[in-house]
């Protein structure tokens, strides 16, 4: 049946929670809570999939510095098969200080600049051969092209960028089987002012257009029309960090087990809605039995 896989940079988050306000220049304020956790991206998605019982393989960049050692120990604790792509002597893990104030987040981050080389791309291809589903990230296009020709299912999530545009990611969108932006990203990448118009534009690439609507659920536009898959009920959002990665894990879970795309979205909504109820990317989650139960409550 293969496995789920993905390649991407590892992240370590220093989480300062319960801030009443952000500090002004020259000021120091104290948070009411603090934690150190693995951050978002492909690593968080693979960990969530592993928690759901899906065999997951993560290709990432870790060095010999103390931050990388912390991250590698954390990966081992989650039971995710990890392959290191890094051969340098720097600090390849992205470190972010996240200031959580009123349910929103501000970040200061640092990472040594890393060039993705053809050798990295070839290693990603070789390691992900046999995967049933892959979480796509920019930088490994040639690997995805080869894997796609071999029948691997690809799901793409660009995340937010100031220069997000269709032309920038056209080659990736043409390979991806599914693209899962949130509404802000969908409007930005298409240059449209409404979600409906953005969905029409994305329909040039995908039979099933998916746009996450945050607390309002997720839009699905396909041959049968347009509908909104409702969100998880009773959510008390604390921190939105990692919600998109959690959604991705639920969506990939559904694809891995051959569920229809509408049910895959329900799984994604459950995972994303659960994630935002805790601080950080990996604090709040459900295991497989609870995922299946909650997804059945999200009927249109």
C-alpha atoms as a PDB file:
ATOM      1  CA  UNK A   1       0.000   0.000   0.000  1.00  0.00           C
ATOM      2  CA  UNK A   2       3.039   2.266   0.127  1.00  0.00           C
ATOM      3  CA  UNK A   3       3.461   5.137   2.548  1.00  0.00           C
ATOM      4  CA  UNK A   4       2.959   8.890   2.902  1.00  0.00           C
ATOM      5  CA  UNK A   5       5.985  11.096   2.467  1.00  0.00           C
ATOM      6  CA  UNK A   6       7.323  14.573   2.104  1.00  0.00           C
ATOM      7  CA  UNK A   7      10.474  16.677   2.050  1.00  0.00           C
ATOM      8  CA  UNK A   8      10.804  19.993   3.825  1.00  0.00           C
ATOM      9  CA  UNK A   9      12.725  22.052   6.344  1.00  0.00           C
ATOM     10  CA  UNK A  10      12.489  21.279  10.042  1.00  0.00           C
ATOM     11  CA  UNK A  11      11.300  24.003  12.381  1.00  0.00           C
ATOM     12  CA  UNK A  12      11.660  24.581  16.113  1.00  0.00           C
ATOM     13  CA  UNK A  13       9.210  26.979  17.753  1.00  0.00           C
ATOM     14  CA  UNK A  14       9.787  28.944  20.955  1.00  0.00           C
ATOM     15  CA  UNK A  15       6.212  29.709  21.991  1.00  0.00           C
ATOM     16  CA  UNK A  16       5.401  32.688  24.193  1.00  0.00           C
ATOM     17  CA  UNK A  17       1.710  32.437  25.049  1.00  0.00           C
ATOM     18  CA  UNK A  18      -0.841  34.554  26.891  1.00  0.00           C
ATOM     19  CA  UNK A  19       0.547  37.931  25.879  1.00  0.00           C
ATOM     20  CA  UNK A  20      -1.806  40.831  26.487  1.00  0.00           C
ATOM     21  CA  UNK A  21       0.044  42.890  23.891  1.00  0.00           C
ATOM     22  CA  UNK A  22       3.211  42.833  21.818  1.00  0.00           C
ATOM     23  CA  UNK A  23       6.240  44.701  23.195  1.00  0.00           C
ATOM     24  CA  UNK A  24       7.170  48.030  21.718  1.00  0.00           C
ATOM     25  CA  UNK A  25      10.752  48.812  20.742  1.00  0.00           C
ATOM     26  CA  UNK A  26      13.002  48.753  23.792  1.00  0.00           C
ATOM     27  CA  UNK A  27      10.396  47.070  26.016  1.00  0.00           C
ATOM     28  CA  UNK A  28      10.389  43.699  27.766  1.00  0.00           C
ATOM     29  CA  UNK A  29       7.173  41.939  28.729  1.00  0.00           C
ATOM     30  CA  UNK A  30       6.566  38.530  30.272  1.00  0.00           C
ATOM     31  CA  UNK A  31       4.391  35.795  28.774  1.00  0.00           C
ATOM     32  CA  UNK A  32       1.959  33.750  30.864  1.00  0.00           C
ATOM     33  CA  UNK A  33       3.056  30.531  29.187  1.00  0.00           C
ATOM     34  CA  UNK A  34       6.086  29.141  27.388  1.00  0.00           C
ATOM     35  CA  UNK A  35       6.950  25.970  25.503  1.00  0.00           C
ATOM     36  CA  UNK A  36       9.491  24.614  23.016  1.00  0.00           C
ATOM     37  CA  UNK A  37       7.995  22.461  20.260  1.00  0.00           C
ATOM     38  CA  UNK A  38       8.604  21.230  16.780  1.00  0.00           C
ATOM     39  CA  UNK A  39       7.154  23.730  14.344  1.00  0.00           C
ATOM     40  CA  UNK A  40       4.984  23.367  11.281  1.00  0.00           C
ATOM     41  CA  UNK A  41       5.496  22.354   7.684  1.00  0.00           C
ATOM     42  CA  UNK A  42       6.012  18.868   6.287  1.00  0.00           C
ATOM     43  CA  UNK A  43       7.473  17.528   9.574  1.00  0.00           C
ATOM     44  CA  UNK A  44       4.282  18.371  11.485  1.00  0.00           C
ATOM     45  CA  UNK A  45       2.144  16.778   8.772  1.00  0.00           C
ATOM     46  CA  UNK A  46       4.172  13.560   8.797  1.00  0.00           C
ATOM     47  CA  UNK A  47       4.009  13.363  12.609  1.00  0.00           C
ATOM     48  CA  UNK A  48       0.231  13.791  12.541  1.00  0.00           C
ATOM     49  CA  UNK A  49      -0.084  11.081   9.895  1.00  0.00           C
ATOM     50  CA  UNK A  50       2.034   8.743  11.996  1.00  0.00           C
ATOM     51  CA  UNK A  51      -0.272   9.375  14.961  1.00  0.00           C
ATOM     52  CA  UNK A  52      -3.158   8.272  12.718  1.00  0.00           C
ATOM     53  CA  UNK A  53      -1.388   5.009  11.960  1.00  0.00           C
ATOM     54  CA  UNK A  54      -0.202   5.884   8.439  1.00  0.00           C
ATOM     55  CA  UNK A  55       3.419   4.897   7.682  1.00  0.00           C
ATOM     56  CA  UNK A  56       5.156   8.233   7.109  1.00  0.00           C
ATOM     57  CA  UNK A  57       8.602   9.160   5.794  1.00  0.00           C
ATOM     58  CA  UNK A  58      10.126  12.603   6.320  1.00  0.00           C
ATOM     59  CA  UNK A  59      13.081  13.974   4.381  1.00  0.00           C
ATOM     60  CA  UNK A  60      14.514  17.034   6.076  1.00  0.00           C
ATOM     61  CA  UNK A  61      17.668  18.980   6.947  1.00  0.00           C
ATOM     62  CA  UNK A  62      19.348  18.534  10.339  1.00  0.00           C
ATOM     63  CA  UNK A  63      22.956  19.198  11.364  1.00  0.00           C
ATOM     64  CA  UNK A  64      25.191  18.475  14.344  1.00  0.00           C
ATOM     65  CA  UNK A  65      24.352  21.623  16.345  1.00  0.00           C
ATOM     66  CA  UNK A  66      22.389  21.427  19.602  1.00  0.00           C
ATOM     67  CA  UNK A  67      19.171  22.668  17.983  1.00  0.00           C
ATOM     68  CA  UNK A  68      19.341  19.919  15.352  1.00  0.00           C
ATOM     69  CA  UNK A  69      20.008  17.336  18.076  1.00  0.00           C
ATOM     70  CA  UNK A  70      16.877  18.501  19.932  1.00  0.00           C
ATOM     71  CA  UNK A  71      14.841  18.188  16.747  1.00  0.00           C
ATOM     72  CA  UNK A  72      16.214  14.741  15.862  1.00  0.00           C
ATOM     73  CA  UNK A  73      15.391  13.441  19.340  1.00  0.00           C
ATOM     74  CA  UNK A  74      11.870  14.803  18.972  1.00  0.00           C
ATOM     75  CA  UNK A  75      11.423  13.047  15.618  1.00  0.00           C
ATOM     76  CA  UNK A  76      12.591   9.781  17.181  1.00  0.00           C
ATOM     77  CA  UNK A  77      10.013  10.201  19.930  1.00  0.00           C
ATOM     78  CA  UNK A  78       7.208  10.479  17.392  1.00  0.00           C
ATOM     79  CA  UNK A  79       8.232   7.338  15.508  1.00  0.00           C
ATOM     80  CA  UNK A  80       8.477   8.963  12.080  1.00  0.00           C
ATOM     81  CA  UNK A  81      11.012   7.509   9.638  1.00  0.00           C
ATOM     82  CA  UNK A  82      13.411  10.376   8.974  1.00  0.00           C
ATOM     83  CA  UNK A  83      16.040  10.787   6.253  1.00  0.00           C
ATOM     84  CA  UNK A  84      18.565  13.617   6.548  1.00  0.00           C
ATOM     85  CA  UNK A  85      19.343  15.650   3.419  1.00  0.00           C
ATOM     86  CA  UNK A  86      21.916  17.953   5.040  1.00  0.00           C
ATOM     87  CA  UNK A  87      25.680  17.530   4.720  1.00  0.00           C
ATOM     88  CA  UNK A  88      26.958  20.926   5.838  1.00  0.00           C
ATOM     89  CA  UNK A  89      28.275  22.214   9.150  1.00  0.00           C
ATOM     90  CA  UNK A  90      25.782  25.014   9.793  1.00  0.00           C
ATOM     91  CA  UNK A  91      22.406  25.294  11.528  1.00  0.00           C
ATOM     92  CA  UNK A  92      19.800  24.156   9.005  1.00  0.00           C
ATOM     93  CA  UNK A  93      16.785  24.038  11.351  1.00  0.00           C
ATOM     94  CA  UNK A  94      14.549  27.110  11.255  1.00  0.00           C
ATOM     95  CA  UNK A  95      14.134  28.573  14.747  1.00  0.00           C
ATOM     96  CA  UNK A  96      11.095  30.786  15.366  1.00  0.00           C
ATOM     97  CA  UNK A  97      10.033  32.804  18.379  1.00  0.00           C
ATOM     98  CA  UNK A  98       6.238  32.882  18.234  1.00  0.00           C
ATOM     99  CA  UNK A  99       4.475  35.634  20.183  1.00  0.00           C
ATOM    100  CA  UNK A 100       0.861  34.579  20.716  1.00  0.00           C
ATOM    101  CA  UNK A 101      -1.448  37.468  21.512  1.00  0.00           C
ATOM    102  CA  UNK A 102      -5.237  37.367  21.356  1.00  0.00           C
ATOM    103  CA  UNK A 103      -5.271  34.162  19.298  1.00  0.00           C
ATOM    104  CA  UNK A 104      -2.975  35.627  16.642  1.00  0.00           C
ATOM    105  CA  UNK A 105       0.760  35.138  16.201  1.00  0.00           C
ATOM    106  CA  UNK A 106       3.832  37.187  15.375  1.00  0.00           C
ATOM    107  CA  UNK A 107       7.128  35.518  14.489  1.00  0.00           C
ATOM    108  CA  UNK A 108      10.833  36.221  14.455  1.00  0.00           C
ATOM    109  CA  UNK A 109      12.693  33.416  12.649  1.00  0.00           C
ATOM    110  CA  UNK A 110      16.198  32.433  11.606  1.00  0.00           C
ATOM    111  CA  UNK A 111      17.696  29.740   9.374  1.00  0.00           C
ATOM    112  CA  UNK A 112      21.081  29.348   7.722  1.00  0.00           C
ATOM    113  CA  UNK A 113      20.621  29.759   3.989  1.00  0.00           C
ATOM    114  CA  UNK A 114      20.539  26.335   2.327  1.00  0.00           C
ATOM    115  CA  UNK A 115      20.732  25.708  -1.393  1.00  0.00           C
ATOM    116  CA  UNK A 116      18.646  22.798  -2.657  1.00  0.00           C
ATOM    117  CA  UNK A 117      20.921  21.033  -5.129  1.00  0.00           C
ATOM    118  CA  UNK A 118      20.230  18.455  -7.863  1.00  0.00           C
ATOM    119  CA  UNK A 119      21.717  15.848  -5.501  1.00  0.00           C
ATOM    120  CA  UNK A 120      19.079  16.728  -2.893  1.00  0.00           C
ATOM    121  CA  UNK A 121      16.339  16.459  -5.494  1.00  0.00           C
ATOM    122  CA  UNK A 122      17.565  13.080  -6.718  1.00  0.00           C
ATOM    123  CA  UNK A 123      17.723  11.772  -3.148  1.00  0.00           C
ATOM    124  CA  UNK A 124      14.155  12.957  -2.545  1.00  0.00           C
ATOM    125  CA  UNK A 125      13.020  11.094  -5.634  1.00  0.00           C
ATOM    126  CA  UNK A 126      14.784   7.870  -4.649  1.00  0.00           C
ATOM    127  CA  UNK A 127      13.541   8.000  -1.055  1.00  0.00           C
ATOM    128  CA  UNK A 128       9.924   8.782  -2.004  1.00  0.00           C
ATOM    129  CA  UNK A 129       9.611   6.144  -4.710  1.00  0.00           C
ATOM    130  CA  UNK A 130       6.772   3.853  -3.705  1.00  0.00           C
ATOM    131  CA  UNK A 131       4.919   6.544  -1.752  1.00  0.00           C
ATOM    132  CA  UNK A 132       1.180   6.533  -2.316  1.00  0.00           C
ATOM    133  CA  UNK A 133       0.744  10.205  -1.361  1.00  0.00           C
ATOM    134  CA  UNK A 134       3.258  13.067  -1.143  1.00  0.00           C
ATOM    135  CA  UNK A 135       3.073  16.452   0.564  1.00  0.00           C
ATOM    136  CA  UNK A 136       4.681  18.792  -1.993  1.00  0.00           C
ATOM    137  CA  UNK A 137       7.004  21.674  -1.138  1.00  0.00           C
ATOM    138  CA  UNK A 138       8.754  24.095  -3.459  1.00  0.00           C
ATOM    139  CA  UNK A 139      12.292  23.177  -4.457  1.00  0.00           C
ATOM    140  CA  UNK A 140      11.900  19.533  -5.467  1.00  0.00           C
ATOM    141  CA  UNK A 141      10.037  19.915  -8.766  1.00  0.00           C
ATOM    142  CA  UNK A 142      12.027  17.358 -10.788  1.00  0.00           C
ATOM    143  CA  UNK A 143      11.451  14.710  -8.119  1.00  0.00           C
ATOM    144  CA  UNK A 144       7.701  15.342  -8.162  1.00  0.00           C
ATOM    145  CA  UNK A 145       7.594  15.136 -11.944  1.00  0.00           C
ATOM    146  CA  UNK A 146       9.191  11.681 -11.876  1.00  0.00           C
ATOM    147  CA  UNK A 147       7.012  10.480  -9.008  1.00  0.00           C
ATOM    148  CA  UNK A 148       3.864  11.779 -10.685  1.00  0.00           C
ATOM    149  CA  UNK A 149       4.706   9.824 -13.844  1.00  0.00           C
ATOM    150  CA  UNK A 150       4.923   6.721 -11.634  1.00  0.00           C
ATOM    151  CA  UNK A 151       1.450   7.269 -10.188  1.00  0.00           C
ATOM    152  CA  UNK A 152       2.146   8.980  -6.852  1.00  0.00           C
ATOM    153  CA  UNK A 153      -0.646  11.295  -5.646  1.00  0.00           C
ATOM    154  CA  UNK A 154       0.602  14.831  -4.949  1.00  0.00           C
ATOM    155  CA  UNK A 155      -0.978  17.482  -2.715  1.00  0.00           C
ATOM    156  CA  UNK A 156       0.370  21.042  -2.726  1.00  0.00           C
ATOM    157  CA  UNK A 157       0.038  23.835  -0.180  1.00  0.00           C
ATOM    158  CA  UNK A 158       2.050  26.953  -0.944  1.00  0.00           C
ATOM    159  CA  UNK A 159       1.409  28.805   2.276  1.00  0.00           C
ATOM    160  CA  UNK A 160       1.303  32.614   2.303  1.00  0.00           C
ATOM    161  CA  UNK A 161       3.878  34.658   0.384  1.00  0.00           C
ATOM    162  CA  UNK A 162       3.838  38.301  -0.596  1.00  0.00           C
ATOM    163  CA  UNK A 163       4.719  37.360  -4.193  1.00  0.00           C
ATOM    164  CA  UNK A 164       2.347  34.383  -4.379  1.00  0.00           C
ATOM    165  CA  UNK A 165       1.153  34.073  -7.985  1.00  0.00           C
ATOM    166  CA  UNK A 166       0.032  31.447 -10.475  1.00  0.00           C
ATOM    167  CA  UNK A 167       3.019  32.055 -12.733  1.00  0.00           C
ATOM    168  CA  UNK A 168       5.436  31.427  -9.860  1.00  0.00           C
ATOM    169  CA  UNK A 169       4.000  27.979  -9.089  1.00  0.00           C
ATOM    170  CA  UNK A 170       2.487  26.982 -12.416  1.00  0.00           C
ATOM    171  CA  UNK A 171       4.818  23.992 -12.842  1.00  0.00           C
ATOM    172  CA  UNK A 172       3.908  22.671  -9.407  1.00  0.00           C
ATOM    173  CA  UNK A 173       0.179  23.201  -9.909  1.00  0.00           C
ATOM    174  CA  UNK A 174       0.329  21.270 -13.179  1.00  0.00           C
ATOM    175  CA  UNK A 175       1.799  18.269 -11.332  1.00  0.00           C
ATOM    176  CA  UNK A 176      -0.349  18.418  -8.196  1.00  0.00           C
ATOM    177  CA  UNK A 177      -3.500  16.335  -7.983  1.00  0.00           C
ATOM    178  CA  UNK A 178      -4.865  18.668  -5.303  1.00  0.00           C
ATOM    179  CA  UNK A 179      -4.057  22.175  -4.063  1.00  0.00           C
ATOM    180  CA  UNK A 180      -5.275  23.182  -0.594  1.00  0.00           C
ATOM    181  CA  UNK A 181      -4.867  26.954  -0.031  1.00  0.00           C
ATOM    182  CA  UNK A 182      -6.763  28.938   2.548  1.00  0.00           C
ATOM    183  CA  UNK A 183      -8.993  31.722   1.264  1.00  0.00           C
ATOM    184  CA  UNK A 184      -6.366  34.436   1.714  1.00  0.00           C
ATOM    185  CA  UNK A 185      -3.838  32.411  -0.278  1.00  0.00           C
ATOM    186  CA  UNK A 186      -6.401  31.506  -2.948  1.00  0.00           C
ATOM    187  CA  UNK A 187      -7.233  35.184  -3.510  1.00  0.00           C
ATOM    188  CA  UNK A 188      -3.567  36.138  -3.599  1.00  0.00           C
ATOM    189  CA  UNK A 189      -2.395  33.452  -6.019  1.00  0.00           C
ATOM    190  CA  UNK A 190      -5.236  34.092  -8.461  1.00  0.00           C
ATOM    191  CA  UNK A 191      -5.378  37.883  -8.078  1.00  0.00           C
ATOM    192  CA  UNK A 192      -9.137  37.667  -7.553  1.00  0.00           C
ATOM    193  CA  UNK A 193     -11.265  39.536  -5.028  1.00  0.00           C
ATOM    194  CA  UNK A 194     -13.791  36.780  -4.219  1.00  0.00           C
ATOM    195  CA  UNK A 195     -13.439  33.126  -3.282  1.00  0.00           C
ATOM    196  CA  UNK A 196     -15.900  32.167  -6.030  1.00  0.00           C
ATOM    197  CA  UNK A 197     -13.754  33.800  -8.722  1.00  0.00           C
ATOM    198  CA  UNK A 198     -10.608  32.279  -7.240  1.00  0.00           C
ATOM    199  CA  UNK A 199     -12.238  28.838  -7.390  1.00  0.00           C
ATOM    200  CA  UNK A 200     -13.078  29.347 -11.069  1.00  0.00           C
ATOM    201  CA  UNK A 201      -9.468  30.252 -11.821  1.00  0.00           C
ATOM    202  CA  UNK A 202      -8.111  27.260  -9.933  1.00  0.00           C
ATOM    203  CA  UNK A 203     -10.599  25.090 -11.801  1.00  0.00           C
ATOM    204  CA  UNK A 204      -8.316  25.460 -14.835  1.00  0.00           C
ATOM    205  CA  UNK A 205      -5.855  23.196 -13.019  1.00  0.00           C
ATOM    206  CA  UNK A 206      -8.000  20.941 -10.838  1.00  0.00           C
ATOM    207  CA  UNK A 207     -11.198  18.935 -11.211  1.00  0.00           C
ATOM    208  CA  UNK A 208     -11.712  19.333  -7.468  1.00  0.00           C
ATOM    209  CA  UNK A 209     -10.972  22.858  -6.234  1.00  0.00           C
ATOM    210  CA  UNK A 210     -10.409  23.096  -2.485  1.00  0.00           C
ATOM    211  CA  UNK A 211     -10.237  26.356  -0.514  1.00  0.00           C
ATOM    212  CA  UNK A 212     -10.027  26.346   3.276  1.00  0.00           C
ATOM    213  CA  UNK A 213     -12.388  28.900   4.821  1.00  0.00           C
ATOM    214  CA  UNK A 214     -10.853  28.962   8.320  1.00  0.00           C
ATOM    215  CA  UNK A 215     -13.613  28.778  10.972  1.00  0.00           C
ATOM    216  CA  UNK A 216     -16.278  28.472   8.258  1.00  0.00           C
ATOM    217  CA  UNK A 217     -15.119  25.093   6.928  1.00  0.00           C
ATOM    218  CA  UNK A 218     -13.824  24.304   3.464  1.00  0.00           C
ATOM    219  CA  UNK A 219     -15.120  25.003  -0.032  1.00  0.00           C
ATOM    220  CA  UNK A 220     -15.212  22.195  -2.581  1.00  0.00           C
ATOM    221  CA  UNK A 221     -15.954  22.914  -6.241  1.00  0.00           C
ATOM    222  CA  UNK A 222     -16.139  19.936  -8.583  1.00  0.00           C
ATOM    223  CA  UNK A 223     -18.264  18.499 -11.401  1.00  0.00           C
ATOM    224  CA  UNK A 224     -21.266  18.206  -9.065  1.00  0.00           C
ATOM    225  CA  UNK A 225     -21.198  21.900  -8.147  1.00  0.00           C
ATOM    226  CA  UNK A 226     -19.956  23.973  -5.216  1.00  0.00           C
ATOM    227  CA  UNK A 227     -20.497  23.176  -1.557  1.00  0.00           C
ATOM    228  CA  UNK A 228     -18.993  24.065   1.804  1.00  0.00           C
ATOM    229  CA  UNK A 229     -17.899  21.210   4.052  1.00  0.00           C
ATOM    230  CA  UNK A 230     -18.682  22.419   7.584  1.00  0.00           C
ATOM    231  CA  UNK A 231     -15.987  22.865  10.243  1.00  0.00           C
ATOM    232  CA  UNK A 232     -15.540  20.844  13.400  1.00  0.00           C
ATOM    233  CA  UNK A 233     -18.175  21.846  15.940  1.00  0.00           C
ATOM    234  CA  UNK A 234     -17.483  23.317  19.361  1.00  0.00           C
ATOM    235  CA  UNK A 235     -13.990  24.577  18.558  1.00  0.00           C
ATOM    236  CA  UNK A 236     -12.465  27.034  21.040  1.00  0.00           C
ATOM    237  CA  UNK A 237      -9.521  28.383  19.078  1.00  0.00           C
ATOM    238  CA  UNK A 238      -6.420  29.209  21.107  1.00  0.00           C
ATOM    239  CA  UNK A 239      -3.642  29.281  18.512  1.00  0.00           C
ATOM    240  CA  UNK A 240      -3.839  28.826  14.740  1.00  0.00           C
ATOM    241  CA  UNK A 241      -0.214  27.654  14.472  1.00  0.00           C
ATOM    242  CA  UNK A 242      -0.034  24.504  12.354  1.00  0.00           C
ATOM    243  CA  UNK A 243      -3.717  24.374  11.424  1.00  0.00           C
ATOM    244  CA  UNK A 244      -2.917  24.089   7.715  1.00  0.00           C
ATOM    245  CA  UNK A 245      -0.420  21.277   8.326  1.00  0.00           C
ATOM    246  CA  UNK A 246      -2.983  19.469  10.479  1.00  0.00           C
ATOM    247  CA  UNK A 247      -5.592  19.845   7.717  1.00  0.00           C
ATOM    248  CA  UNK A 248      -3.059  18.409   5.272  1.00  0.00           C
ATOM    249  CA  UNK A 249      -2.519  15.355   7.474  1.00  0.00           C
ATOM    250  CA  UNK A 250      -6.242  14.601   7.580  1.00  0.00           C
ATOM    251  CA  UNK A 251      -6.588  15.144   3.844  1.00  0.00           C
ATOM    252  CA  UNK A 252      -3.622  12.866   3.086  1.00  0.00           C
ATOM    253  CA  UNK A 253      -5.023  10.253   5.474  1.00  0.00           C
ATOM    254  CA  UNK A 254      -8.187  10.150   3.374  1.00  0.00           C
ATOM    255  CA  UNK A 255      -6.297   9.874   0.096  1.00  0.00           C
ATOM    256  CA  UNK A 256      -4.058   7.140   1.517  1.00  0.00           C
ATOM    257  CA  UNK A 257      -7.133   5.032   2.292  1.00  0.00           C
ATOM    258  CA  UNK A 258      -8.917   5.880  -0.990  1.00  0.00           C
ATOM    259  CA  UNK A 259     -11.759   7.937   0.473  1.00  0.00           C
ATOM    260  CA  UNK A 260     -13.692  10.339  -1.805  1.00  0.00           C
ATOM    261  CA  UNK A 261     -12.315  13.878  -1.802  1.00  0.00           C
ATOM    262  CA  UNK A 262     -15.297  15.224   0.175  1.00  0.00           C
ATOM    263  CA  UNK A 263     -14.537  12.800   2.996  1.00  0.00           C
ATOM    264  CA  UNK A 264     -10.844  13.680   2.802  1.00  0.00           C
ATOM    265  CA  UNK A 265     -11.835  17.297   3.441  1.00  0.00           C
ATOM    266  CA  UNK A 266     -13.892  16.235   6.464  1.00  0.00           C
ATOM    267  CA  UNK A 267     -10.827  14.503   7.865  1.00  0.00           C
ATOM    268  CA  UNK A 268      -8.828  17.663   7.202  1.00  0.00           C
ATOM    269  CA  UNK A 269     -11.405  19.845   8.948  1.00  0.00           C
ATOM    270  CA  UNK A 270     -11.338  17.595  12.027  1.00  0.00           C
ATOM    271  CA  UNK A 271      -7.548  17.661  12.243  1.00  0.00           C
ATOM    272  CA  UNK A 272      -7.313  21.416  11.665  1.00  0.00           C
ATOM    273  CA  UNK A 273     -10.140  22.204  14.085  1.00  0.00           C
ATOM    274  CA  UNK A 274      -8.524  20.046  16.750  1.00  0.00           C
ATOM    275  CA  UNK A 275      -5.074  21.590  16.281  1.00  0.00           C
ATOM    276  CA  UNK A 276      -6.175  25.182  16.943  1.00  0.00           C
ATOM    277  CA  UNK A 277      -7.459  24.247  20.406  1.00  0.00           C
ATOM    278  CA  UNK A 278      -3.910  23.985  21.778  1.00  0.00           C
ATOM    279  CA  UNK A 279      -0.705  26.027  21.746  1.00  0.00           C
ATOM    280  CA  UNK A 280       1.622  25.041  18.899  1.00  0.00           C
ATOM    281  CA  UNK A 281       1.401  22.623  15.995  1.00  0.00           C
ATOM    282  CA  UNK A 282       1.331  19.281  17.768  1.00  0.00           C
ATOM    283  CA  UNK A 283      -0.261  19.748  21.199  1.00  0.00           C
ATOM    284  CA  UNK A 284      -3.879  18.949  20.352  1.00  0.00           C
ATOM    285  CA  UNK A 285      -4.699  16.005  18.089  1.00  0.00           C
ATOM    286  CA  UNK A 286      -6.980  13.018  17.667  1.00  0.00           C
ATOM    287  CA  UNK A 287      -6.115   9.425  16.891  1.00  0.00           C
ATOM    288  CA  UNK A 288      -7.696   7.395  14.113  1.00  0.00           C
ATOM    289  CA  UNK A 289     -10.873   6.149  15.831  1.00  0.00           C
ATOM    290  CA  UNK A 290     -11.806   9.637  17.033  1.00  0.00           C
ATOM    291  CA  UNK A 291     -11.017  11.119  13.617  1.00  0.00           C
ATOM    292  CA  UNK A 292     -13.442   8.720  11.952  1.00  0.00           C
ATOM    293  CA  UNK A 293     -16.146   9.411  14.523  1.00  0.00           C
ATOM    294  CA  UNK A 294     -15.874  13.197  14.324  1.00  0.00           C
ATOM    295  CA  UNK A 295     -15.692  13.249  10.529  1.00  0.00           C
ATOM    296  CA  UNK A 296     -19.106  11.573  10.374  1.00  0.00           C
ATOM    297  CA  UNK A 297     -20.595  14.565  12.189  1.00  0.00           C
ATOM    298  CA  UNK A 298     -19.523  16.997   9.437  1.00  0.00           C
ATOM    299  CA  UNK A 299     -22.309  16.459   6.955  1.00  0.00           C
ATOM    300  CA  UNK A 300     -23.333  19.181   4.486  1.00  0.00           C
END
